[in-house]
Amino acid sequence: VQLQASGGGLVQAGGSLRLSCAASGRSFSSYAMGWFRQTPGKEREFVSAINWSGDSTYYADSVKGRFTISRHNANTVYLQMNVLKPEDTAVYYCAASLIGPYSTRDYYQPQYDYWGQGTLVTVSS
């Protein structure tokens, strides 16, 4: 099983990037998919998540209204990031996990079953 995150890069403040997460090795049709980010010396923090069917999405307050998560198919998830800020600079990780319908809190916790290798996003001021 492998999750491959891509799409990171260097962008000026106010710009946009789209991150992609491609999962392979099994079907993730029953899995929630999420994005977390981490900067040196800090804990991994939740950014956004989408449930298995794609009809429920979750966002950190810091990215609401600027980021949009979407699910292309069972194994591909995107994170559209607009109006980027320098504080969005981080390594972004995609993750997948089985999350029950009544376990909303689990979307926000960095305890997913599978993790990708991360892609670096750098936003210059």
PDB file of N, CA and C in Angstrom:
ATOM      1  N   VAL A   1       0.852  -1.191   0.000  1.00  0.00           N
ATOM      2  CA  VAL A   1       0.000   0.000   0.000  1.00  0.00           C
ATOM      3  C   VAL A   1       0.886   1.237   0.000  1.00  0.00           C
ATOM      4  N   GLN A   2       0.535   2.171  -0.852  1.00  0.00           N
ATOM      5  CA  GLN A   2       1.347   3.387  -0.955  1.00  0.00           C
ATOM      6  C   GLN A   2       0.456   4.582  -1.217  1.00  0.00           C
ATOM      7  N   LEU A   3       0.764   5.688  -0.537  1.00  0.00           N
ATOM      8  CA  LEU A   3       0.123   6.959  -0.806  1.00  0.00           C
ATOM      9  C   LEU A   3       1.189   7.907  -1.311  1.00  0.00           C
ATOM     10  N   GLN A   4       0.947   8.479  -2.467  1.00  0.00           N
ATOM     11  CA  GLN A   4       1.918   9.357  -3.089  1.00  0.00           C
ATOM     12  C   GLN A   4       1.340  10.758  -3.168  1.00  0.00           C
ATOM     13  N   ALA A   5       1.928  11.674  -2.400  1.00  0.00           N
ATOM     14  CA  ALA A   5       1.505  13.070  -2.443  1.00  0.00           C
ATOM     15  C   ALA A   5       2.382  13.827  -3.423  1.00  0.00           C
ATOM     16  N   SER A   6       1.784  14.734  -4.164  1.00  0.00           N
ATOM     17  CA  SER A   6       2.528  15.545  -5.124  1.00  0.00           C
ATOM     18  C   SER A   6       1.852  16.892  -5.285  1.00  0.00           C
ATOM     19  N   GLY A   7       2.541  17.799  -5.965  1.00  0.00           N
ATOM     20  CA  GLY A   7       1.967  19.100  -6.268  1.00  0.00           C
ATOM     21  C   GLY A   7       2.521  20.247  -5.443  1.00  0.00           C
ATOM     22  N   GLY A   8       3.379  19.940  -4.492  1.00  0.00           N
ATOM     23  CA  GLY A   8       3.967  21.003  -3.707  1.00  0.00           C
ATOM     24  C   GLY A   8       4.932  21.840  -4.520  1.00  0.00           C
ATOM     25  N   GLY A   9       5.350  22.950  -3.940  1.00  0.00           N
ATOM     26  CA  GLY A   9       6.295  23.822  -4.628  1.00  0.00           C
ATOM     27  C   GLY A   9       6.389  25.159  -3.953  1.00  0.00           C
ATOM     28  N   LEU A  10       7.014  26.093  -4.650  1.00  0.00           N
ATOM     29  CA  LEU A  10       7.208  27.448  -4.153  1.00  0.00           C
ATOM     30  C   LEU A  10       6.202  28.367  -4.836  1.00  0.00           C
ATOM     31  N   VAL A  11       5.483  29.140  -4.036  1.00  0.00           N
ATOM     32  CA  VAL A  11       4.484  30.053  -4.573  1.00  0.00           C
ATOM     33  C   VAL A  11       4.495  31.330  -3.746  1.00  0.00           C
ATOM     34  N   GLN A  12       4.134  32.430  -4.368  1.00  0.00           N
ATOM     35  CA  GLN A  12       4.050  33.695  -3.641  1.00  0.00           C
ATOM     36  C   GLN A  12       2.755  33.767  -2.839  1.00  0.00           C
ATOM     37  N   ALA A  13       2.780  34.539  -1.802  1.00  0.00           N
ATOM     38  CA  ALA A  13       1.582  34.748  -0.994  1.00  0.00           C
ATOM     39  C   ALA A  13       0.445  35.235  -1.892  1.00  0.00           C
ATOM     40  N   GLY A  14      -0.743  34.675  -1.655  1.00  0.00           N
ATOM     41  CA  GLY A  14      -1.896  34.987  -2.489  1.00  0.00           C
ATOM     42  C   GLY A  14      -2.087  34.036  -3.655  1.00  0.00           C
ATOM     43  N   GLY A  15      -1.089  33.220  -3.902  1.00  0.00           N
ATOM     44  CA  GLY A  15      -1.160  32.288  -5.019  1.00  0.00           C
ATOM     45  C   GLY A  15      -1.882  31.006  -4.661  1.00  0.00           C
ATOM     46  N   SER A  16      -1.855  30.071  -5.600  1.00  0.00           N
ATOM     47  CA  SER A  16      -2.585  28.813  -5.448  1.00  0.00           C
ATOM     48  C   SER A  16      -1.713  27.615  -5.810  1.00  0.00           C
ATOM     49  N   LEU A  17      -2.038  26.495  -5.208  1.00  0.00           N
ATOM     50  CA  LEU A  17      -1.436  25.216  -5.545  1.00  0.00           C
ATOM     51  C   LEU A  17      -2.515  24.146  -5.414  1.00  0.00           C
ATOM     52  N   ARG A  18      -2.365  23.077  -6.167  1.00  0.00           N
ATOM     53  CA  ARG A  18      -3.235  21.925  -5.989  1.00  0.00           C
ATOM     54  C   ARG A  18      -2.386  20.698  -5.662  1.00  0.00           C
ATOM     55  N   LEU A  19      -2.632  20.136  -4.512  1.00  0.00           N
ATOM     56  CA  LEU A  19      -1.949  18.917  -4.111  1.00  0.00           C
ATOM     57  C   LEU A  19      -2.786  17.714  -4.544  1.00  0.00           C
ATOM     58  N   SER A  20      -2.083  16.660  -4.916  1.00  0.00           N
ATOM     59  CA  SER A  20      -2.735  15.409  -5.288  1.00  0.00           C
ATOM     60  C   SER A  20      -2.228  14.288  -4.397  1.00  0.00           C
ATOM     61  N   CYS A  21      -3.104  13.353  -4.133  1.00  0.00           N
ATOM     62  CA  CYS A  21      -2.729  12.163  -3.371  1.00  0.00           C
ATOM     63  C   CYS A  21      -3.245  10.955  -4.134  1.00  0.00           C
ATOM     64  N   ALA A  22      -2.321  10.133  -4.579  1.00  0.00           N
ATOM     65  CA  ALA A  22      -2.686   8.930  -5.319  1.00  0.00           C
ATOM     66  C   ALA A  22      -2.365   7.710  -4.466  1.00  0.00           C
ATOM     67  N   ALA A  23      -3.383   6.926  -4.179  1.00  0.00           N
ATOM     68  CA  ALA A  23      -3.211   5.730  -3.356  1.00  0.00           C
ATOM     69  C   ALA A  23      -3.176   4.494  -4.249  1.00  0.00           C
ATOM     70  N   SER A  24      -2.370   3.545  -3.873  1.00  0.00           N
ATOM     71  CA  SER A  24      -2.254   2.320  -4.662  1.00  0.00           C
ATOM     72  C   SER A  24      -2.051   1.130  -3.740  1.00  0.00           C
ATOM     73  N   GLY A  25      -2.217  -0.050  -4.273  1.00  0.00           N
ATOM     74  CA  GLY A  25      -1.999  -1.259  -3.498  1.00  0.00           C
ATOM     75  C   GLY A  25      -3.262  -1.905  -2.979  1.00  0.00           C
ATOM     76  N   ARG A  26      -4.336  -1.153  -2.955  1.00  0.00           N
ATOM     77  CA  ARG A  26      -5.633  -1.678  -2.544  1.00  0.00           C
ATOM     78  C   ARG A  26      -6.683  -0.626  -2.891  1.00  0.00           C
ATOM     79  N   SER A  27      -7.933  -0.970  -2.796  1.00  0.00           N
ATOM     80  CA  SER A  27      -8.993   0.014  -2.992  1.00  0.00           C
ATOM     81  C   SER A  27      -9.231   0.757  -1.693  1.00  0.00           C
ATOM     82  N   PHE A  28      -9.330   2.073  -1.800  1.00  0.00           N
ATOM     83  CA  PHE A  28      -9.612   2.904  -0.631  1.00  0.00           C
ATOM     84  C   PHE A  28     -11.038   3.417  -0.657  1.00  0.00           C
ATOM     85  N   SER A  29     -11.914   2.678  -1.309  1.00  0.00           N
ATOM     86  CA  SER A  29     -13.294   3.129  -1.445  1.00  0.00           C
ATOM     87  C   SER A  29     -14.012   3.253  -0.108  1.00  0.00           C
ATOM     88  N   SER A  30     -13.557   2.533   0.907  1.00  0.00           N
ATOM     89  CA  SER A  30     -14.193   2.608   2.228  1.00  0.00           C
ATOM     90  C   SER A  30     -13.435   3.507   3.197  1.00  0.00           C
ATOM     91  N   TYR A  31     -12.382   4.120   2.708  1.00  0.00           N
ATOM     92  CA  TYR A  31     -11.494   4.886   3.576  1.00  0.00           C
ATOM     93  C   TYR A  31     -11.739   6.391   3.480  1.00  0.00           C
ATOM     94  N   ALA A  32     -11.658   7.045   4.614  1.00  0.00           N
ATOM     95  CA  ALA A  32     -11.559   8.493   4.627  1.00  0.00           C
ATOM     96  C   ALA A  32     -10.136   8.880   4.229  1.00  0.00           C
ATOM     97  N   MET A  33     -10.018  10.046   3.608  1.00  0.00           N
ATOM     98  CA  MET A  33      -8.708  10.549   3.211  1.00  0.00           C
ATOM     99  C   MET A  33      -8.511  11.916   3.845  1.00  0.00           C
ATOM    100  N   GLY A  34      -7.290  12.183   4.269  1.00  0.00           N
ATOM    101  CA  GLY A  34      -7.036  13.454   4.922  1.00  0.00           C
ATOM    102  C   GLY A  34      -5.706  14.058   4.535  1.00  0.00           C
ATOM    103  N   TRP A  35      -5.573  15.339   4.854  1.00  0.00           N
ATOM    104  CA  TRP A  35      -4.316  16.057   4.661  1.00  0.00           C
ATOM    105  C   TRP A  35      -3.906  16.646   6.006  1.00  0.00           C
ATOM    106  N   PHE A  36      -2.646  16.470   6.326  1.00  0.00           N
ATOM    107  CA  PHE A  36      -2.041  17.063   7.508  1.00  0.00           C
ATOM    108  C   PHE A  36      -0.801  17.811   7.053  1.00  0.00           C
ATOM    109  N   ARG A  37      -0.307  18.682   7.904  1.00  0.00           N
ATOM    110  CA  ARG A  37       0.924  19.396   7.576  1.00  0.00           C
ATOM    111  C   ARG A  37       1.789  19.512   8.814  1.00  0.00           C
ATOM    112  N   GLN A  38       3.067  19.695   8.565  1.00  0.00           N
ATOM    113  CA  GLN A  38       4.017  19.755   9.672  1.00  0.00           C
ATOM    114  C   GLN A  38       5.170  20.662   9.313  1.00  0.00           C
ATOM    115  N   THR A  39       5.579  21.465  10.290  1.00  0.00           N
ATOM    116  CA  THR A  39       6.765  22.303  10.170  1.00  0.00           C
ATOM    117  C   THR A  39       7.778  21.832  11.209  1.00  0.00           C
ATOM    118  N   PRO A  40       9.055  22.139  11.002  1.00  0.00           N
ATOM    119  CA  PRO A  40      10.089  21.667  11.934  1.00  0.00           C
ATOM    120  C   PRO A  40       9.815  22.082  13.368  1.00  0.00           C
ATOM    121  N   GLY A  41       9.895  21.131  14.267  1.00  0.00           N
ATOM    122  CA  GLY A  41       9.727  21.416  15.685  1.00  0.00           C
ATOM    123  C   GLY A  41       8.294  21.465  16.153  1.00  0.00           C
ATOM    124  N   LYS A  42       7.369  21.260  15.233  1.00  0.00           N
ATOM    125  CA  LYS A  42       5.956  21.294  15.607  1.00  0.00           C
ATOM    126  C   LYS A  42       5.294  19.943  15.323  1.00  0.00           C
ATOM    127  N   GLU A  43       4.181  19.734  16.000  1.00  0.00           N
ATOM    128  CA  GLU A  43       3.437  18.504  15.781  1.00  0.00           C
ATOM    129  C   GLU A  43       2.689  18.581  14.446  1.00  0.00           C
ATOM    130  N   ARG A  44       2.398  17.412  13.935  1.00  0.00           N
ATOM    131  CA  ARG A  44       1.624  17.343  12.710  1.00  0.00           C
ATOM    132  C   ARG A  44       0.216  17.848  12.987  1.00  0.00           C
ATOM    133  N   GLU A  45      -0.282  18.734  12.130  1.00  0.00           N
ATOM    134  CA  GLU A  45      -1.588  19.317  12.382  1.00  0.00           C
ATOM    135  C   GLU A  45      -2.555  18.996  11.241  1.00  0.00           C
ATOM    136  N   PHE A  46      -3.797  18.886  11.623  1.00  0.00           N
ATOM    137  CA  PHE A  46      -4.857  18.587  10.681  1.00  0.00           C
ATOM    138  C   PHE A  46      -5.099  19.768   9.746  1.00  0.00           C
ATOM    139  N   VAL A  47      -5.330  19.462   8.472  1.00  0.00           N
ATOM    140  CA  VAL A  47      -5.665  20.491   7.496  1.00  0.00           C
ATOM    141  C   VAL A  47      -7.084  20.271   6.958  1.00  0.00           C
ATOM    142  N   SER A  48      -7.328  19.073   6.439  1.00  0.00           N
ATOM    143  CA  SER A  48      -8.615  18.806   5.818  1.00  0.00           C
ATOM    144  C   SER A  48      -8.804  17.306   5.658  1.00  0.00           C
ATOM    145  N   ALA A  49     -10.072  16.892   5.550  1.00  0.00           N
ATOM    146  CA  ALA A  49     -10.367  15.479   5.336  1.00  0.00           C
ATOM    147  C   ALA A  49     -11.680  15.335   4.589  1.00  0.00           C
ATOM    148  N   ILE A  50     -11.855  14.165   4.005  1.00  0.00           N
ATOM    149  CA  ILE A  50     -13.078  13.871   3.263  1.00  0.00           C
ATOM    150  C   ILE A  50     -13.467  12.429   3.567  1.00  0.00           C
ATOM    151  N   ASN A  51     -14.756  12.192   3.705  1.00  0.00           N
ATOM    152  CA  ASN A  51     -15.169  10.849   4.075  1.00  0.00           C
ATOM    153  C   ASN A  51     -15.113   9.911   2.862  1.00  0.00           C
ATOM    154  N   TRP A  52     -15.431   8.642   3.095  1.00  0.00           N
ATOM    155  CA  TRP A  52     -15.249   7.642   2.061  1.00  0.00           C
ATOM    156  C   TRP A  52     -16.075   7.918   0.819  1.00  0.00           C
ATOM    157  N   SER A  53     -17.259   8.493   0.992  1.00  0.00           N
ATOM    158  CA  SER A  53     -18.143   8.714  -0.148  1.00  0.00           C
ATOM    159  C   SER A  53     -17.933  10.076  -0.796  1.00  0.00           C
ATOM    160  N   GLY A  54     -17.203  10.942  -0.134  1.00  0.00           N
ATOM    161  CA  GLY A  54     -16.945  12.267  -0.695  1.00  0.00           C
ATOM    162  C   GLY A  54     -18.014  13.300  -0.394  1.00  0.00           C
ATOM    163  N   ASP A  55     -19.004  12.942   0.407  1.00  0.00           N
ATOM    164  CA  ASP A  55     -20.081  13.914   0.649  1.00  0.00           C
ATOM    165  C   ASP A  55     -19.954  14.641   1.978  1.00  0.00           C
ATOM    166  N   SER A  56     -18.891  14.365   2.714  1.00  0.00           N
ATOM    167  CA  SER A  56     -18.624  15.114   3.947  1.00  0.00           C
ATOM    168  C   SER A  56     -17.171  15.557   3.943  1.00  0.00           C
ATOM    169  N   THR A  57     -16.965  16.828   4.223  1.00  0.00           N
ATOM    170  CA  THR A  57     -15.612  17.377   4.260  1.00  0.00           C
ATOM    171  C   THR A  57     -15.372  18.102   5.568  1.00  0.00           C
ATOM    172  N   TYR A  58     -14.125  18.202   5.946  1.00  0.00           N
ATOM    173  CA  TYR A  58     -13.743  18.783   7.220  1.00  0.00           C
ATOM    174  C   TYR A  58     -12.508  19.661   6.990  1.00  0.00           C
ATOM    175  N   TYR A  59     -12.460  20.796   7.697  1.00  0.00           N
ATOM    176  CA  TYR A  59     -11.364  21.731   7.524  1.00  0.00           C
ATOM    177  C   TYR A  59     -10.911  22.288   8.862  1.00  0.00           C
ATOM    178  N   ALA A  60      -9.624  22.558   8.945  1.00  0.00           N
ATOM    179  CA  ALA A  60      -9.122  23.322  10.063  1.00  0.00           C
ATOM    180  C   ALA A  60      -9.594  24.763   9.912  1.00  0.00           C
ATOM    181  N   ASP A  61      -9.810  25.433  11.025  1.00  0.00           N
ATOM    182  CA  ASP A  61     -10.289  26.817  10.967  1.00  0.00           C
ATOM    183  C   ASP A  61      -9.338  27.702  10.167  1.00  0.00           C
ATOM    184  N   SER A  62      -8.059  27.406  10.233  1.00  0.00           N
ATOM    185  CA  SER A  62      -7.052  28.248   9.584  1.00  0.00           C
ATOM    186  C   SER A  62      -7.112  28.186   8.058  1.00  0.00           C
ATOM    187  N   VAL A  63      -7.786  27.177   7.504  1.00  0.00           N
ATOM    188  CA  VAL A  63      -7.814  27.047   6.043  1.00  0.00           C
ATOM    189  C   VAL A  63      -9.225  27.137   5.470  1.00  0.00           C
ATOM    190  N   LYS A  64     -10.225  27.231   6.326  1.00  0.00           N
ATOM    191  CA  LYS A  64     -11.616  27.311   5.843  1.00  0.00           C
ATOM    192  C   LYS A  64     -11.788  28.502   4.917  1.00  0.00           C
ATOM    193  N   GLY A  65     -12.466  28.262   3.812  1.00  0.00           N
ATOM    194  CA  GLY A  65     -12.702  29.324   2.844  1.00  0.00           C
ATOM    195  C   GLY A  65     -11.570  29.519   1.862  1.00  0.00           C
ATOM    196  N   ARG A  66     -10.419  28.888   2.112  1.00  0.00           N
ATOM    197  CA  ARG A  66      -9.275  29.011   1.202  1.00  0.00           C
ATOM    198  C   ARG A  66      -8.904  27.672   0.562  1.00  0.00           C
ATOM    199  N   PHE A  67      -9.068  26.597   1.294  1.00  0.00           N
ATOM    200  CA  PHE A  67      -8.712  25.262   0.803  1.00  0.00           C
ATOM    201  C   PHE A  67      -9.975  24.474   0.509  1.00  0.00           C
ATOM    202  N   THR A  68      -9.893  23.617  -0.500  1.00  0.00           N
ATOM    203  CA  THR A  68     -11.000  22.737  -0.841  1.00  0.00           C
ATOM    204  C   THR A  68     -10.472  21.330  -1.103  1.00  0.00           C
ATOM    205  N   ILE A  69     -11.035  20.371  -0.395  1.00  0.00           N
ATOM    206  CA  ILE A  69     -10.664  18.974  -0.610  1.00  0.00           C
ATOM    207  C   ILE A  69     -11.713  18.326  -1.498  1.00  0.00           C
ATOM    208  N   SER A  70     -11.272  17.454  -2.370  1.00  0.00           N
ATOM    209  CA  SER A  70     -12.206  16.740  -3.238  1.00  0.00           C
ATOM    210  C   SER A  70     -11.675  15.346  -3.513  1.00  0.00           C
ATOM    211  N   ARG A  71     -12.603  14.507  -3.919  1.00  0.00           N
ATOM    212  CA  ARG A  71     -12.256  13.110  -4.153  1.00  0.00           C
ATOM    213  C   ARG A  71     -12.572  12.784  -5.606  1.00  0.00           C
ATOM    214  N   HIS A  72     -11.533  12.481  -6.369  1.00  0.00           N
ATOM    215  CA  HIS A  72     -11.730  12.203  -7.785  1.00  0.00           C
ATOM    216  C   HIS A  72     -12.290  10.800  -7.980  1.00  0.00           C
ATOM    217  N   ASN A  73     -11.744   9.847  -7.235  1.00  0.00           N
ATOM    218  CA  ASN A  73     -12.235   8.476  -7.254  1.00  0.00           C
ATOM    219  C   ASN A  73     -11.828   7.837  -5.931  1.00  0.00           C
ATOM    220  N   ALA A  74     -11.966   6.540  -5.830  1.00  0.00           N
ATOM    221  CA  ALA A  74     -11.698   5.896  -4.544  1.00  0.00           C
ATOM    222  C   ALA A  74     -10.262   6.106  -4.081  1.00  0.00           C
ATOM    223  N   ASN A  75      -9.338   6.265  -5.023  1.00  0.00           N
ATOM    224  CA  ASN A  75      -7.921   6.292  -4.662  1.00  0.00           C
ATOM    225  C   ASN A  75      -7.216   7.613  -4.961  1.00  0.00           C
ATOM    226  N   THR A  76      -7.949   8.652  -5.301  1.00  0.00           N
ATOM    227  CA  THR A  76      -7.319   9.937  -5.629  1.00  0.00           C
ATOM    228  C   THR A  76      -8.047  11.077  -4.931  1.00  0.00           C
ATOM    229  N   VAL A  77      -7.267  11.880  -4.224  1.00  0.00           N
ATOM    230  CA  VAL A  77      -7.819  13.029  -3.499  1.00  0.00           C
ATOM    231  C   VAL A  77      -6.997  14.261  -3.850  1.00  0.00           C
ATOM    232  N   TYR A  78      -7.674  15.389  -3.952  1.00  0.00           N
ATOM    233  CA  TYR A  78      -7.009  16.653  -4.233  1.00  0.00           C
ATOM    234  C   TYR A  78      -7.212  17.622  -3.073  1.00  0.00           C
ATOM    235  N   LEU A  79      -6.275  18.529  -2.944  1.00  0.00           N
ATOM    236  CA  LEU A  79      -6.411  19.648  -2.021  1.00  0.00           C
ATOM    237  C   LEU A  79      -6.081  20.911  -2.803  1.00  0.00           C
ATOM    238  N   GLN A  80      -7.124  21.656  -3.141  1.00  0.00           N
ATOM    239  CA  GLN A  80      -6.943  22.934  -3.828  1.00  0.00           C
ATOM    240  C   GLN A  80      -6.686  24.009  -2.776  1.00  0.00           C
ATOM    241  N   MET A  81      -5.556  24.656  -2.887  1.00  0.00           N
ATOM    242  CA  MET A  81      -5.166  25.656  -1.895  1.00  0.00           C
ATOM    243  C   MET A  81      -5.090  27.017  -2.567  1.00  0.00           C
ATOM    244  N   ASN A  82      -5.964  27.932  -2.162  1.00  0.00           N
ATOM    245  CA  ASN A  82      -6.000  29.281  -2.709  1.00  0.00           C
ATOM    246  C   ASN A  82      -5.646  30.305  -1.643  1.00  0.00           C
ATOM    247  N   VAL A  83      -5.324  31.491  -2.093  1.00  0.00           N
ATOM    248  CA  VAL A  83      -4.970  32.595  -1.194  1.00  0.00           C
ATOM    249  C   VAL A  83      -3.963  32.105  -0.153  1.00  0.00           C
ATOM    250  N   LEU A  84      -2.897  31.523  -0.632  1.00  0.00           N
ATOM    251  CA  LEU A  84      -1.909  30.954   0.269  1.00  0.00           C
ATOM    252  C   LEU A  84      -1.201  32.035   1.059  1.00  0.00           C
ATOM    253  N   LYS A  85      -0.854  31.682   2.293  1.00  0.00           N
ATOM    254  CA  LYS A  85      -0.183  32.593   3.201  1.00  0.00           C
ATOM    255  C   LYS A  85       1.165  32.001   3.600  1.00  0.00           C
ATOM    256  N   PRO A  86       2.111  32.829   4.006  1.00  0.00           N
ATOM    257  CA  PRO A  86       3.408  32.287   4.456  1.00  0.00           C
ATOM    258  C   PRO A  86       3.260  31.246   5.564  1.00  0.00           C
ATOM    259  N   GLU A  87       2.252  31.407   6.409  1.00  0.00           N
ATOM    260  CA  GLU A  87       2.057  30.445   7.500  1.00  0.00           C
ATOM    261  C   GLU A  87       1.534  29.093   7.013  1.00  0.00           C
ATOM    262  N   ASP A  88       1.198  28.984   5.739  1.00  0.00           N
ATOM    263  CA  ASP A  88       0.819  27.691   5.165  1.00  0.00           C
ATOM    264  C   ASP A  88       2.045  26.868   4.779  1.00  0.00           C
ATOM    265  N   THR A  89       3.218  27.461   4.864  1.00  0.00           N
ATOM    266  CA  THR A  89       4.437  26.750   4.537  1.00  0.00           C
ATOM    267  C   THR A  89       4.627  25.550   5.459  1.00  0.00           C
ATOM    268  N   ALA A  90       4.775  24.373   4.853  1.00  0.00           N
ATOM    269  CA  ALA A  90       4.898  23.140   5.633  1.00  0.00           C
ATOM    270  C   ALA A  90       5.101  21.976   4.673  1.00  0.00           C
ATOM    271  N   VAL A  91       5.419  20.833   5.239  1.00  0.00           N
ATOM    272  CA  VAL A  91       5.341  19.580   4.494  1.00  0.00           C
ATOM    273  C   VAL A  91       3.926  19.057   4.656  1.00  0.00           C
ATOM    274  N   TYR A  92       3.284  18.780   3.552  1.00  0.00           N
ATOM    275  CA  TYR A  92       1.904  18.305   3.566  1.00  0.00           C
ATOM    276  C   TYR A  92       1.880  16.798   3.324  1.00  0.00           C
ATOM    277  N   TYR A  93       1.144  16.106   4.180  1.00  0.00           N
ATOM    278  CA  TYR A  93       1.031  14.659   4.106  1.00  0.00           C
ATOM    279  C   TYR A  93      -0.408  14.257   3.833  1.00  0.00           C
ATOM    280  N   CYS A  94      -0.581  13.292   2.942  1.00  0.00           N
ATOM    281  CA  CYS A  94      -1.908  12.727   2.794  1.00  0.00           C
ATOM    282  C   CYS A  94      -1.974  11.422   3.578  1.00  0.00           C
ATOM    283  N   ALA A  95      -3.159  11.068   3.974  1.00  0.00           N
ATOM    284  CA  ALA A  95      -3.346   9.898   4.814  1.00  0.00           C
ATOM    285  C   ALA A  95      -4.706   9.272   4.540  1.00  0.00           C
ATOM    286  N   ALA A  96      -4.828   8.012   4.902  1.00  0.00           N
ATOM    287  CA  ALA A  96      -6.080   7.294   4.706  1.00  0.00           C
ATOM    288  C   ALA A  96      -6.399   6.485   5.952  1.00  0.00           C
ATOM    289  N   SER A  97      -7.681   6.392   6.261  1.00  0.00           N
ATOM    290  CA  SER A  97      -8.069   5.646   7.448  1.00  0.00           C
ATOM    291  C   SER A  97      -9.519   5.209   7.367  1.00  0.00           C
ATOM    292  N   LEU A  98      -9.818   4.124   8.034  1.00  0.00           N
ATOM    293  CA  LEU A  98     -11.211   3.709   8.191  1.00  0.00           C
ATOM    294  C   LEU A  98     -11.792   4.489   9.356  1.00  0.00           C
ATOM    295  N   ILE A  99     -12.805   5.305   9.080  1.00  0.00           N
ATOM    296  CA  ILE A  99     -13.423   6.122  10.114  1.00  0.00           C
ATOM    297  C   ILE A  99     -14.923   5.894  10.068  1.00  0.00           C
ATOM    298  N   GLY A 100     -15.476   5.521  11.190  1.00  0.00           N
ATOM    299  CA  GLY A 100     -16.888   5.227  11.263  1.00  0.00           C
ATOM    300  C   GLY A 100     -17.754   6.465  11.146  1.00  0.00           C
ATOM    301  N   PRO A 101     -19.031   6.289  10.843  1.00  0.00           N
ATOM    302  CA  PRO A 101     -19.945   7.421  10.626  1.00  0.00           C
ATOM    303  C   PRO A 101     -20.191   8.256  11.875  1.00  0.00           C
ATOM    304  N   TYR A 102     -19.904   7.703  13.053  1.00  0.00           N
ATOM    305  CA  TYR A 102     -20.144   8.442  14.290  1.00  0.00           C
ATOM    306  C   TYR A 102     -18.845   8.837  14.975  1.00  0.00           C
ATOM    307  N   SER A 103     -17.742   8.791  14.224  1.00  0.00           N
ATOM    308  CA  SER A 103     -16.425   9.078  14.791  1.00  0.00           C
ATOM    309  C   SER A 103     -15.837  10.340  14.170  1.00  0.00           C
ATOM    310  N   THR A 104     -16.599  11.409  14.161  1.00  0.00           N
ATOM    311  CA  THR A 104     -16.168  12.640  13.502  1.00  0.00           C
ATOM    312  C   THR A 104     -14.844  13.146  14.036  1.00  0.00           C
ATOM    313  N   ARG A 105     -14.630  13.015  15.338  1.00  0.00           N
ATOM    314  CA  ARG A 105     -13.383  13.516  15.927  1.00  0.00           C
ATOM    315  C   ARG A 105     -12.164  12.843  15.322  1.00  0.00           C
ATOM    316  N   ASP A 106     -12.315  11.620  14.855  1.00  0.00           N
ATOM    317  CA  ASP A 106     -11.169  10.883  14.321  1.00  0.00           C
ATOM    318  C   ASP A 106     -10.617  11.507  13.052  1.00  0.00           C
ATOM    319  N   TYR A 107     -11.436  12.259  12.333  1.00  0.00           N
ATOM    320  CA  TYR A 107     -10.937  12.914  11.126  1.00  0.00           C
ATOM    321  C   TYR A 107      -9.814  13.898  11.458  1.00  0.00           C
ATOM    322  N   TYR A 108      -9.858  14.482  12.626  1.00  0.00           N
ATOM    323  CA  TYR A 108      -8.950  15.564  12.995  1.00  0.00           C
ATOM    324  C   TYR A 108      -7.667  15.081  13.676  1.00  0.00           C
ATOM    325  N   GLN A 109      -7.596  13.802  13.973  1.00  0.00           N
ATOM    326  CA  GLN A 109      -6.452  13.279  14.719  1.00  0.00           C
ATOM    327  C   GLN A 109      -5.439  12.632  13.779  1.00  0.00           C
ATOM    328  N   PRO A 110      -4.146  12.869  14.018  1.00  0.00           N
ATOM    329  CA  PRO A 110      -3.102  12.302  13.143  1.00  0.00           C
ATOM    330  C   PRO A 110      -2.828  10.832  13.445  1.00  0.00           C
ATOM    331  N   GLN A 111      -3.885  10.037  13.463  1.00  0.00           N
ATOM    332  CA  GLN A 111      -3.758   8.614  13.771  1.00  0.00           C
ATOM    333  C   GLN A 111      -4.361   7.771  12.664  1.00  0.00           C
ATOM    334  N   TYR A 112      -4.123   8.202  11.454  1.00  0.00           N
ATOM    335  CA  TYR A 112      -4.639   7.491  10.302  1.00  0.00           C
ATOM    336  C   TYR A 112      -3.859   6.198  10.078  1.00  0.00           C
ATOM    337  N   ASP A 113      -4.448   5.291   9.331  1.00  0.00           N
ATOM    338  CA  ASP A 113      -3.840   3.978   9.108  1.00  0.00           C
ATOM    339  C   ASP A 113      -2.668   4.022   8.134  1.00  0.00           C
ATOM    340  N   TYR A 114      -2.778   4.828   7.099  1.00  0.00           N
ATOM    341  CA  TYR A 114      -1.755   4.887   6.055  1.00  0.00           C
ATOM    342  C   TYR A 114      -1.341   6.333   5.818  1.00  0.00           C
ATOM    343  N   TRP A 115      -0.059   6.521   5.540  1.00  0.00           N
ATOM    344  CA  TRP A 115       0.494   7.862   5.321  1.00  0.00           C
ATOM    345  C   TRP A 115       1.362   7.895   4.079  1.00  0.00           C
ATOM    346  N   GLY A 116       1.314   9.042   3.387  1.00  0.00           N
ATOM    347  CA  GLY A 116       2.219   9.279   2.282  1.00  0.00           C
ATOM    348  C   GLY A 116       3.513   9.890   2.772  1.00  0.00           C
ATOM    349  N   GLN A 117       4.402  10.186   1.823  1.00  0.00           N
ATOM    350  CA  GLN A 117       5.742  10.650   2.184  1.00  0.00           C
ATOM    351  C   GLN A 117       5.828  12.152   2.377  1.00  0.00           C
ATOM    352  N   GLY A 118       4.841  12.895   1.967  1.00  0.00           N
ATOM    353  CA  GLY A 118       4.849  14.335   2.147  1.00  0.00           C
ATOM    354  C   GLY A 118       5.329  15.097   0.934  1.00  0.00           C
ATOM    355  N   THR A 119       4.798  16.285   0.760  1.00  0.00           N
ATOM    356  CA  THR A 119       5.220  17.190  -0.305  1.00  0.00           C
ATOM    357  C   THR A 119       5.363  18.579   0.291  1.00  0.00           C
ATOM    358  N   LEU A 120       6.445  19.249  -0.042  1.00  0.00           N
ATOM    359  CA  LEU A 120       6.771  20.529   0.574  1.00  0.00           C
ATOM    360  C   LEU A 120       6.067  21.679  -0.144  1.00  0.00           C
ATOM    361  N   VAL A 121       5.395  22.491   0.643  1.00  0.00           N
ATOM    362  CA  VAL A 121       4.767  23.728   0.149  1.00  0.00           C
ATOM    363  C   VAL A 121       5.472  24.892   0.817  1.00  0.00           C
ATOM    364  N   THR A 122       5.988  25.804   0.003  1.00  0.00           N
ATOM    365  CA  THR A 122       6.663  26.989   0.512  1.00  0.00           C
ATOM    366  C   THR A 122       5.978  28.219  -0.052  1.00  0.00           C
ATOM    367  N   VAL A 123       5.495  29.070   0.846  1.00  0.00           N
ATOM    368  CA  VAL A 123       4.804  30.295   0.440  1.00  0.00           C
ATOM    369  C   VAL A 123       5.669  31.477   0.841  1.00  0.00           C
ATOM    370  N   SER A 124       6.099  32.229  -0.141  1.00  0.00           N
ATOM    371  CA  SER A 124       6.962  33.378   0.129  1.00  0.00           C
ATOM    372  C   SER A 124       6.126  34.647   0.296  1.00  0.00           C
ATOM    373  N   SER A 125       6.616  35.533   1.140  1.00  0.00           N
ATOM    374  CA  SER A 125       5.879  36.778   1.407  1.00  0.00           C
ATOM    375  C   SER A 125       6.286  37.875   0.452  1.00  0.00           C
TER     376      SER A 125
END
